[in-house]
Amino acid sequence: MLRLIGKWIARCAAGALVAAALLYMGDWAVFLARNAPRGTVSVQRVLVVPLKGNKQEYVGEGNVDQPCAQALFGQSGLDPCWQLRRHPRQVVTY
């Protein structure tokens, strides 16, 4: 009985992995077929600078236009535009 459950779980995991890989490759193919569409999103960037004594200083850079990929997943080293629109505040730690 446990052997059957183990096989079923392994098949489901393999199927999910194959489905995720196909989805990513399809998104990449559509991204290239559309001539790698890019956009820009205005994000608010905040720098976190470490100080002595485990203290931190927050420095606001203001709004910065960040390039993004018009795709479901990040492509060409760029974050997807839909993700930057949903999370317009970025905290950068040095």
PDB file of N, CA and C in Angstrom:
ATOM      1  N   MET A   1       0.819  -1.200   0.000  1.00  0.00           N
ATOM      2  CA  MET A   1       0.000   0.000   0.000  1.00  0.00           C
ATOM      3  C   MET A   1       0.865   1.268   0.000  1.00  0.00           C
ATOM      4  N   LEU A   2       1.883   1.286   0.886  1.00  0.00           N
ATOM      5  CA  LEU A   2       2.764   2.450   0.932  1.00  0.00           C
ATOM      6  C   LEU A   2       3.569   2.597  -0.347  1.00  0.00           C
ATOM      7  N   ARG A   3       3.904   1.485  -0.960  1.00  0.00           N
ATOM      8  CA  ARG A   3       4.655   1.526  -2.207  1.00  0.00           C
ATOM      9  C   ARG A   3       3.815   2.180  -3.311  1.00  0.00           C
ATOM     10  N   LEU A   4       2.520   1.891  -3.342  1.00  0.00           N
ATOM     11  CA  LEU A   4       1.632   2.498  -4.340  1.00  0.00           C
ATOM     12  C   LEU A   4       1.497   4.000  -4.114  1.00  0.00           C
ATOM     13  N   ILE A   5       1.394   4.405  -2.869  1.00  0.00           N
ATOM     14  CA  ILE A   5       1.296   5.832  -2.557  1.00  0.00           C
ATOM     15  C   ILE A   5       2.594   6.544  -2.933  1.00  0.00           C
ATOM     16  N   GLY A   6       3.732   5.913  -2.664  1.00  0.00           N
ATOM     17  CA  GLY A   6       5.024   6.488  -3.031  1.00  0.00           C
ATOM     18  C   GLY A   6       5.172   6.665  -4.531  1.00  0.00           C
ATOM     19  N   LYS A   7       4.736   5.674  -5.290  1.00  0.00           N
ATOM     20  CA  LYS A   7       4.795   5.783  -6.756  1.00  0.00           C
ATOM     21  C   LYS A   7       3.877   6.892  -7.251  1.00  0.00           C
ATOM     22  N   TRP A   8       2.694   6.995  -6.650  1.00  0.00           N
ATOM     23  CA  TRP A   8       1.728   8.021  -7.065  1.00  0.00           C
ATOM     24  C   TRP A   8       2.288   9.410  -6.782  1.00  0.00           C
ATOM     25  N   ILE A   9       2.896   9.598  -5.625  1.00  0.00           N
ATOM     26  CA  ILE A   9       3.492  10.899  -5.278  1.00  0.00           C
ATOM     27  C   ILE A   9       4.660  11.215  -6.206  1.00  0.00           C
ATOM     28  N   ALA A  10       5.477  10.240  -6.535  1.00  0.00           N
ATOM     29  CA  ALA A  10       6.614  10.463  -7.434  1.00  0.00           C
ATOM     30  C   ALA A  10       6.135  10.839  -8.832  1.00  0.00           C
ATOM     31  N   ARG A  11       5.077  10.182  -9.305  1.00  0.00           N
ATOM     32  CA  ARG A  11       4.543  10.518 -10.636  1.00  0.00           C
ATOM     33  C   ARG A  11       3.947  11.922 -10.651  1.00  0.00           C
ATOM     34  N   CYS A  12       3.236  12.292  -9.588  1.00  0.00           N
ATOM     35  CA  CYS A  12       2.666  13.647  -9.516  1.00  0.00           C
ATOM     36  C   CYS A  12       3.767  14.705  -9.485  1.00  0.00           C
ATOM     37  N   ALA A  13       4.822  14.446  -8.717  1.00  0.00           N
ATOM     38  CA  ALA A  13       5.935  15.393  -8.640  1.00  0.00           C
ATOM     39  C   ALA A  13       6.636  15.521  -9.984  1.00  0.00           C
ATOM     40  N   ALA A  14       6.846  14.397 -10.664  1.00  0.00           N
ATOM     41  CA  ALA A  14       7.487  14.439 -11.985  1.00  0.00           C
ATOM     42  C   ALA A  14       6.600  15.167 -12.992  1.00  0.00           C
ATOM     43  N   GLY A  15       5.304  14.941 -12.931  1.00  0.00           N
ATOM     44  CA  GLY A  15       4.377  15.631 -13.828  1.00  0.00           C
ATOM     45  C   GLY A  15       4.361  17.135 -13.584  1.00  0.00           C
ATOM     46  N   ALA A  16       4.387  17.525 -12.306  1.00  0.00           N
ATOM     47  CA  ALA A  16       4.417  18.956 -11.986  1.00  0.00           C
ATOM     48  C   ALA A  16       5.714  19.597 -12.465  1.00  0.00           C
ATOM     49  N   LEU A  17       6.821  18.885 -12.332  1.00  0.00           N
ATOM     50  CA  LEU A  17       8.111  19.400 -12.790  1.00  0.00           C
ATOM     51  C   LEU A  17       8.139  19.565 -14.307  1.00  0.00           C
ATOM     52  N   VAL A  18       7.614  18.590 -15.021  1.00  0.00           N
ATOM     53  CA  VAL A  18       7.558  18.662 -16.486  1.00  0.00           C
ATOM     54  C   VAL A  18       6.635  19.800 -16.919  1.00  0.00           C
ATOM     55  N   ALA A  19       5.489  19.958 -16.247  1.00  0.00           N
ATOM     56  CA  ALA A  19       4.551  21.031 -16.589  1.00  0.00           C
ATOM     57  C   ALA A  19       5.184  22.404 -16.359  1.00  0.00           C
ATOM     58  N   ALA A  20       5.915  22.564 -15.255  1.00  0.00           N
ATOM     59  CA  ALA A  20       6.579  23.837 -14.977  1.00  0.00           C
ATOM     60  C   ALA A  20       7.653  24.139 -16.020  1.00  0.00           C
ATOM     61  N   ALA A  21       8.419  23.116 -16.413  1.00  0.00           N
ATOM     62  CA  ALA A  21       9.458  23.316 -17.426  1.00  0.00           C
ATOM     63  C   ALA A  21       8.849  23.698 -18.773  1.00  0.00           C
ATOM     64  N   LEU A  22       7.752  23.046 -19.154  1.00  0.00           N
ATOM     65  CA  LEU A  22       7.081  23.375 -20.416  1.00  0.00           C
ATOM     66  C   LEU A  22       6.496  24.786 -20.383  1.00  0.00           C
ATOM     67  N   LEU A  23       5.947  25.181 -19.248  1.00  0.00           N
ATOM     68  CA  LEU A  23       5.401  26.532 -19.122  1.00  0.00           C
ATOM     69  C   LEU A  23       6.500  27.574 -19.263  1.00  0.00           C
ATOM     70  N   TYR A  24       7.645  27.351 -18.621  1.00  0.00           N
ATOM     71  CA  TYR A  24       8.749  28.300 -18.720  1.00  0.00           C
ATOM     72  C   TYR A  24       9.288  28.372 -20.145  1.00  0.00           C
ATOM     73  N   MET A  25       9.471  27.216 -20.781  1.00  0.00           N
ATOM     74  CA  MET A  25       9.983  27.220 -22.157  1.00  0.00           C
ATOM     75  C   MET A  25       8.988  27.874 -23.115  1.00  0.00           C
ATOM     76  N   GLY A  26       7.696  27.669 -22.894  1.00  0.00           N
ATOM     77  CA  GLY A  26       6.692  28.328 -23.728  1.00  0.00           C
ATOM     78  C   GLY A  26       6.711  29.832 -23.544  1.00  0.00           C
ATOM     79  N   ASP A  27       6.868  30.287 -22.304  1.00  0.00           N
ATOM     80  CA  ASP A  27       6.954  31.726 -22.040  1.00  0.00           C
ATOM     81  C   ASP A  27       8.194  32.311 -22.699  1.00  0.00           C
ATOM     82  N   TRP A  28       9.314  31.589 -22.648  1.00  0.00           N
ATOM     83  CA  TRP A  28      10.545  32.064 -23.279  1.00  0.00           C
ATOM     84  C   TRP A  28      10.386  32.135 -24.796  1.00  0.00           C
ATOM     85  N   ALA A  29       9.728  31.128 -25.397  1.00  0.00           N
ATOM     86  CA  ALA A  29       9.531  31.128 -26.847  1.00  0.00           C
ATOM     87  C   ALA A  29       8.632  32.284 -27.279  1.00  0.00           C
ATOM     88  N   VAL A  30       7.569  32.550 -26.529  1.00  0.00           N
ATOM     89  CA  VAL A  30       6.681  33.679 -26.860  1.00  0.00           C
ATOM     90  C   VAL A  30       7.426  34.994 -26.679  1.00  0.00           C
ATOM     91  N   PHE A  31       8.256  35.085 -25.645  1.00  0.00           N
ATOM     92  CA  PHE A  31       9.046  36.294 -25.399  1.00  0.00           C
ATOM     93  C   PHE A  31       9.969  36.580 -26.576  1.00  0.00           C
ATOM     94  N   LEU A  32      10.634  35.543 -27.088  1.00  0.00           N
ATOM     95  CA  LEU A  32      11.528  35.735 -28.236  1.00  0.00           C
ATOM     96  C   LEU A  32      10.748  35.978 -29.527  1.00  0.00           C
ATOM     97  N   ALA A  33       9.597  35.336 -29.689  1.00  0.00           N
ATOM     98  CA  ALA A  33       8.798  35.522 -30.898  1.00  0.00           C
ATOM     99  C   ALA A  33       8.247  36.945 -30.987  1.00  0.00           C
ATOM    100  N   ARG A  34       8.043  37.568 -29.832  1.00  0.00           N
ATOM    101  CA  ARG A  34       7.549  38.950 -29.809  1.00  0.00           C
ATOM    102  C   ARG A  34       8.695  39.960 -29.819  1.00  0.00           C
ATOM    103  N   ASN A  35       9.899  39.519 -30.192  1.00  0.00           N
ATOM    104  CA  ASN A  35      11.105  40.358 -30.271  1.00  0.00           C
ATOM    105  C   ASN A  35      11.490  40.936 -28.914  1.00  0.00           C
ATOM    106  N   ALA A  36      11.402  40.125 -27.875  1.00  0.00           N
ATOM    107  CA  ALA A  36      11.831  40.467 -26.513  1.00  0.00           C
ATOM    108  C   ALA A  36      11.257  41.806 -26.051  1.00  0.00           C
ATOM    109  N   PRO A  37       9.941  41.898 -25.884  1.00  0.00           N
ATOM    110  CA  PRO A  37       9.343  43.176 -25.467  1.00  0.00           C
ATOM    111  C   PRO A  37       9.776  43.564 -24.058  1.00  0.00           C
ATOM    112  N   ARG A  38      10.132  44.815 -23.923  1.00  0.00           N
ATOM    113  CA  ARG A  38      10.561  45.337 -22.631  1.00  0.00           C
ATOM    114  C   ARG A  38       9.740  46.563 -22.296  1.00  0.00           C
ATOM    115  N   GLY A  39       9.693  46.885 -21.039  1.00  0.00           N
ATOM    116  CA  GLY A  39       9.002  48.070 -20.569  1.00  0.00           C
ATOM    117  C   GLY A  39       9.758  48.656 -19.395  1.00  0.00           C
ATOM    118  N   THR A  40       9.210  49.708 -18.823  1.00  0.00           N
ATOM    119  CA  THR A  40       9.787  50.296 -17.620  1.00  0.00           C
ATOM    120  C   THR A  40       8.676  50.504 -16.608  1.00  0.00           C
ATOM    121  N   VAL A  41       9.019  50.338 -15.357  1.00  0.00           N
ATOM    122  CA  VAL A  41       8.086  50.540 -14.253  1.00  0.00           C
ATOM    123  C   VAL A  41       8.765  51.447 -13.251  1.00  0.00           C
ATOM    124  N   SER A  42       8.042  52.441 -12.753  1.00  0.00           N
ATOM    125  CA  SER A  42       8.579  53.347 -11.754  1.00  0.00           C
ATOM    126  C   SER A  42       8.467  52.689 -10.382  1.00  0.00           C
ATOM    127  N   VAL A  43       9.614  52.468  -9.737  1.00  0.00           N
ATOM    128  CA  VAL A  43       9.643  51.838  -8.417  1.00  0.00           C
ATOM    129  C   VAL A  43      10.308  52.790  -7.420  1.00  0.00           C
ATOM    130  N   GLN A  44       9.892  52.679  -6.172  1.00  0.00           N
ATOM    131  CA  GLN A  44      10.482  53.473  -5.102  1.00  0.00           C
ATOM    132  C   GLN A  44      11.578  52.632  -4.461  1.00  0.00           C
ATOM    133  N   ARG A  45      12.802  53.111  -4.531  1.00  0.00           N
ATOM    134  CA  ARG A  45      13.935  52.348  -4.036  1.00  0.00           C
ATOM    135  C   ARG A  45      14.414  52.924  -2.700  1.00  0.00           C
ATOM    136  N   VAL A  46      14.619  52.030  -1.729  1.00  0.00           N
ATOM    137  CA  VAL A  46      15.116  52.393  -0.404  1.00  0.00           C
ATOM    138  C   VAL A  46      16.392  51.593  -0.152  1.00  0.00           C
ATOM    139  N   LEU A  47      17.469  52.286   0.204  1.00  0.00           N
ATOM    140  CA  LEU A  47      18.742  51.631   0.504  1.00  0.00           C
ATOM    141  C   LEU A  47      18.852  51.410   2.006  1.00  0.00           C
ATOM    142  N   VAL A  48      19.299  50.228   2.412  1.00  0.00           N
ATOM    143  CA  VAL A  48      19.545  49.921   3.812  1.00  0.00           C
ATOM    144  C   VAL A  48      21.056  49.820   3.981  1.00  0.00           C
ATOM    145  N   VAL A  49      21.622  50.772   4.734  1.00  0.00           N
ATOM    146  CA  VAL A  49      23.070  50.835   4.927  1.00  0.00           C
ATOM    147  C   VAL A  49      23.388  50.367   6.346  1.00  0.00           C
ATOM    148  N   PRO A  50      24.224  49.313   6.489  1.00  0.00           N
ATOM    149  CA  PRO A  50      24.569  48.855   7.841  1.00  0.00           C
ATOM    150  C   PRO A  50      25.533  49.832   8.528  1.00  0.00           C
ATOM    151  N   LEU A  51      25.305  50.033   9.824  1.00  0.00           N
ATOM    152  CA  LEU A  51      26.154  50.894  10.632  1.00  0.00           C
ATOM    153  C   LEU A  51      26.766  50.069  11.762  1.00  0.00           C
ATOM    154  N   LYS A  52      27.607  50.700  12.564  1.00  0.00           N
ATOM    155  CA  LYS A  52      28.213  50.010  13.699  1.00  0.00           C
ATOM    156  C   LYS A  52      27.147  49.644  14.727  1.00  0.00           C
ATOM    157  N   GLY A  53      27.409  48.581  15.464  1.00  0.00           N
ATOM    158  CA  GLY A  53      26.503  48.178  16.531  1.00  0.00           C
ATOM    159  C   GLY A  53      25.216  47.556  16.033  1.00  0.00           C
ATOM    160  N   ASN A  54      25.260  46.888  14.894  1.00  0.00           N
ATOM    161  CA  ASN A  54      24.074  46.237  14.293  1.00  0.00           C
ATOM    162  C   ASN A  54      22.925  47.205  14.066  1.00  0.00           C
ATOM    163  N   LYS A  55      23.237  48.436  13.746  1.00  0.00           N
ATOM    164  CA  LYS A  55      22.204  49.419  13.426  1.00  0.00           C
ATOM    165  C   LYS A  55      22.130  49.575  11.920  1.00  0.00           C
ATOM    166  N   GLN A  56      21.011  50.107  11.456  1.00  0.00           N
ATOM    167  CA  GLN A  56      20.803  50.305  10.026  1.00  0.00           C
ATOM    168  C   GLN A  56      20.296  51.717   9.777  1.00  0.00           C
ATOM    169  N   GLU A  57      20.690  52.253   8.625  1.00  0.00           N
ATOM    170  CA  GLU A  57      20.198  53.551   8.194  1.00  0.00           C
ATOM    171  C   GLU A  57      19.444  53.357   6.886  1.00  0.00           C
ATOM    172  N   TYR A  58      18.267  53.933   6.784  1.00  0.00           N
ATOM    173  CA  TYR A  58      17.434  53.827   5.586  1.00  0.00           C
ATOM    174  C   TYR A  58      17.563  55.117   4.788  1.00  0.00           C
ATOM    175  N   VAL A  59      17.967  54.983   3.535  1.00  0.00           N
ATOM    176  CA  VAL A  59      18.152  56.134   2.655  1.00  0.00           C
ATOM    177  C   VAL A  59      17.238  55.961   1.454  1.00  0.00           C
ATOM    178  N   GLY A  60      16.333  56.896   1.250  1.00  0.00           N
ATOM    179  CA  GLY A  60      15.424  56.827   0.109  1.00  0.00           C
ATOM    180  C   GLY A  60      16.050  57.416  -1.139  1.00  0.00           C
ATOM    181  N   GLU A  61      16.029  56.671  -2.222  1.00  0.00           N
ATOM    182  CA  GLU A  61      16.544  57.168  -3.500  1.00  0.00           C
ATOM    183  C   GLU A  61      15.452  57.844  -4.313  1.00  0.00           C
ATOM    184  N   GLY A  62      14.223  57.703  -3.895  1.00  0.00           N
ATOM    185  CA  GLY A  62      13.114  58.261  -4.664  1.00  0.00           C
ATOM    186  C   GLY A  62      12.645  57.273  -5.714  1.00  0.00           C
ATOM    187  N   ASN A  63      11.904  57.766  -6.670  1.00  0.00           N
ATOM    188  CA  ASN A  63      11.374  56.904  -7.732  1.00  0.00           C
ATOM    189  C   ASN A  63      12.411  56.722  -8.832  1.00  0.00           C
ATOM    190  N   VAL A  64      12.570  55.460  -9.227  1.00  0.00           N
ATOM    191  CA  VAL A  64      13.547  55.091 -10.254  1.00  0.00           C
ATOM    192  C   VAL A  64      12.815  54.276 -11.311  1.00  0.00           C
ATOM    193  N   ASP A  65      13.051  54.572 -12.587  1.00  0.00           N
ATOM    194  CA  ASP A  65      12.484  53.764 -13.661  1.00  0.00           C
ATOM    195  C   ASP A  65      13.346  52.527 -13.847  1.00  0.00           C
ATOM    196  N   GLN A  66      12.739  51.357 -13.666  1.00  0.00           N
ATOM    197  CA  GLN A  66      13.469  50.097 -13.777  1.00  0.00           C
ATOM    198  C   GLN A  66      12.985  49.337 -15.000  1.00  0.00           C
ATOM    199  N   PRO A  67      13.910  48.865 -15.840  1.00  0.00           N
ATOM    200  CA  PRO A  67      13.493  48.079 -17.007  1.00  0.00           C
ATOM    201  C   PRO A  67      12.949  46.722 -16.576  1.00  0.00           C
ATOM    202  N   CYS A  68      11.991  46.216 -17.355  1.00  0.00           N
ATOM    203  CA  CYS A  68      11.366  44.930 -17.025  1.00  0.00           C
ATOM    204  C   CYS A  68      11.006  44.200 -18.321  1.00  0.00           C
ATOM    205  N   ALA A  69      10.724  42.907 -18.183  1.00  0.00           N
ATOM    206  CA  ALA A  69      10.359  42.061 -19.325  1.00  0.00           C
ATOM    207  C   ALA A  69       8.850  41.866 -19.339  1.00  0.00           C
ATOM    208  N   GLN A  70       8.241  41.999 -20.512  1.00  0.00           N
ATOM    209  CA  GLN A  70       6.810  41.767 -20.683  1.00  0.00           C
ATOM    210  C   GLN A  70       6.591  40.271 -20.865  1.00  0.00           C
ATOM    211  N   ALA A  71       6.701  39.521 -19.766  1.00  0.00           N
ATOM    212  CA  ALA A  71       6.582  38.068 -19.824  1.00  0.00           C
ATOM    213  C   ALA A  71       6.036  37.562 -18.491  1.00  0.00           C
ATOM    214  N   LEU A  72       5.678  36.299 -18.470  1.00  0.00           N
ATOM    215  CA  LEU A  72       5.161  35.675 -17.254  1.00  0.00           C
ATOM    216  C   LEU A  72       6.274  35.459 -16.239  1.00  0.00           C
ATOM    217  N   PHE A  73       7.436  35.028 -16.700  1.00  0.00           N
ATOM    218  CA  PHE A  73       8.602  34.820 -15.852  1.00  0.00           C
ATOM    219  C   PHE A  73       9.663  35.844 -16.217  1.00  0.00           C
ATOM    220  N   GLY A  74      10.661  36.014 -15.353  1.00  0.00           N
ATOM    221  CA  GLY A  74      11.771  36.895 -15.663  1.00  0.00           C
ATOM    222  C   GLY A  74      12.562  36.352 -16.845  1.00  0.00           C
ATOM    223  N   GLN A  75      12.830  37.188 -17.827  1.00  0.00           N
ATOM    224  CA  GLN A  75      13.570  36.779 -19.025  1.00  0.00           C
ATOM    225  C   GLN A  75      14.691  37.786 -19.270  1.00  0.00           C
ATOM    226  N   SER A  76      15.777  37.337 -19.848  1.00  0.00           N
ATOM    227  CA  SER A  76      16.939  38.171 -20.211  1.00  0.00           C
ATOM    228  C   SER A  76      17.499  38.920 -19.009  1.00  0.00           C
ATOM    229  N   GLY A  77      17.424  38.330 -17.831  1.00  0.00           N
ATOM    230  CA  GLY A  77      17.961  38.960 -16.640  1.00  0.00           C
ATOM    231  C   GLY A  77      17.098  40.069 -16.073  1.00  0.00           C
ATOM    232  N   LEU A  78      15.886  40.242 -16.578  1.00  0.00           N
ATOM    233  CA  LEU A  78      14.977  41.289 -16.112  1.00  0.00           C
ATOM    234  C   LEU A  78      13.820  40.676 -15.334  1.00  0.00           C
ATOM    235  N   ASP A  79      13.339  41.415 -14.353  1.00  0.00           N
ATOM    236  CA  ASP A  79      12.155  40.981 -13.625  1.00  0.00           C
ATOM    237  C   ASP A  79      10.929  41.176 -14.506  1.00  0.00           C
ATOM    238  N   PRO A  80       9.877  40.376 -14.323  1.00  0.00           N
ATOM    239  CA  PRO A  80       8.650  40.585 -15.099  1.00  0.00           C
ATOM    240  C   PRO A  80       7.954  41.877 -14.666  1.00  0.00           C
ATOM    241  N   CYS A  81       7.348  42.568 -15.621  1.00  0.00           N
ATOM    242  CA  CYS A  81       6.701  43.854 -15.345  1.00  0.00           C
ATOM    243  C   CYS A  81       5.538  43.707 -14.368  1.00  0.00           C
ATOM    244  N   TRP A  82       4.768  42.613 -14.474  1.00  0.00           N
ATOM    245  CA  TRP A  82       3.623  42.455 -13.583  1.00  0.00           C
ATOM    246  C   TRP A  82       4.073  42.359 -12.136  1.00  0.00           C
ATOM    247  N   GLN A  83       5.240  41.786 -11.883  1.00  0.00           N
ATOM    248  CA  GLN A  83       5.733  41.662 -10.510  1.00  0.00           C
ATOM    249  C   GLN A  83       6.175  43.023  -9.977  1.00  0.00           C
ATOM    250  N   LEU A  84       6.820  43.824 -10.794  1.00  0.00           N
ATOM    251  CA  LEU A  84       7.250  45.157 -10.350  1.00  0.00           C
ATOM    252  C   LEU A  84       6.060  46.074 -10.121  1.00  0.00           C
ATOM    253  N   ARG A  85       4.997  45.915 -10.905  1.00  0.00           N
ATOM    254  CA  ARG A  85       3.799  46.735 -10.678  1.00  0.00           C
ATOM    255  C   ARG A  85       3.109  46.362  -9.369  1.00  0.00           C
ATOM    256  N   ARG A  86       3.141  45.090  -9.006  1.00  0.00           N
ATOM    257  CA  ARG A  86       2.514  44.643  -7.761  1.00  0.00           C
ATOM    258  C   ARG A  86       3.360  44.987  -6.537  1.00  0.00           C
ATOM    259  N   HIS A  87       4.677  45.092  -6.715  1.00  0.00           N
ATOM    260  CA  HIS A  87       5.591  45.403  -5.612  1.00  0.00           C
ATOM    261  C   HIS A  87       6.451  46.606  -6.002  1.00  0.00           C
ATOM    262  N   PRO A  88       5.877  47.821  -5.978  1.00  0.00           N
ATOM    263  CA  PRO A  88       6.612  48.995  -6.471  1.00  0.00           C
ATOM    264  C   PRO A  88       7.668  49.525  -5.496  1.00  0.00           C
ATOM    265  N   ARG A  89       7.765  48.955  -4.302  1.00  0.00           N
ATOM    266  CA  ARG A  89       8.776  49.420  -3.343  1.00  0.00           C
ATOM    267  C   ARG A  89       9.860  48.370  -3.211  1.00  0.00           C
ATOM    268  N   GLN A  90      11.104  48.765  -3.471  1.00  0.00           N
ATOM    269  CA  GLN A  90      12.234  47.831  -3.407  1.00  0.00           C
ATOM    270  C   GLN A  90      13.191  48.271  -2.291  1.00  0.00           C
ATOM    271  N   VAL A  91      13.589  47.300  -1.480  1.00  0.00           N
ATOM    272  CA  VAL A  91      14.553  47.544  -0.420  1.00  0.00           C
ATOM    273  C   VAL A  91      15.851  46.871  -0.825  1.00  0.00           C
ATOM    274  N   VAL A  92      16.912  47.670  -0.956  1.00  0.00           N
ATOM    275  CA  VAL A  92      18.217  47.171  -1.385  1.00  0.00           C
ATOM    276  C   VAL A  92      19.151  47.230  -0.176  1.00  0.00           C
ATOM    277  N   THR A  93      19.713  46.071   0.197  1.00  0.00           N
ATOM    278  CA  THR A  93      20.613  45.988   1.340  1.00  0.00           C
ATOM    279  C   THR A  93      22.065  45.951   0.860  1.00  0.00           C
ATOM    280  N   TYR A  94      22.906  46.757   1.464  1.00  0.00           N
ATOM    281  CA  TYR A  94      24.342  46.754   1.152  1.00  0.00           C
ATOM    282  C   TYR A  94      25.114  46.093   2.238  1.00  0.00           C
TER     283      TYR A  94
END
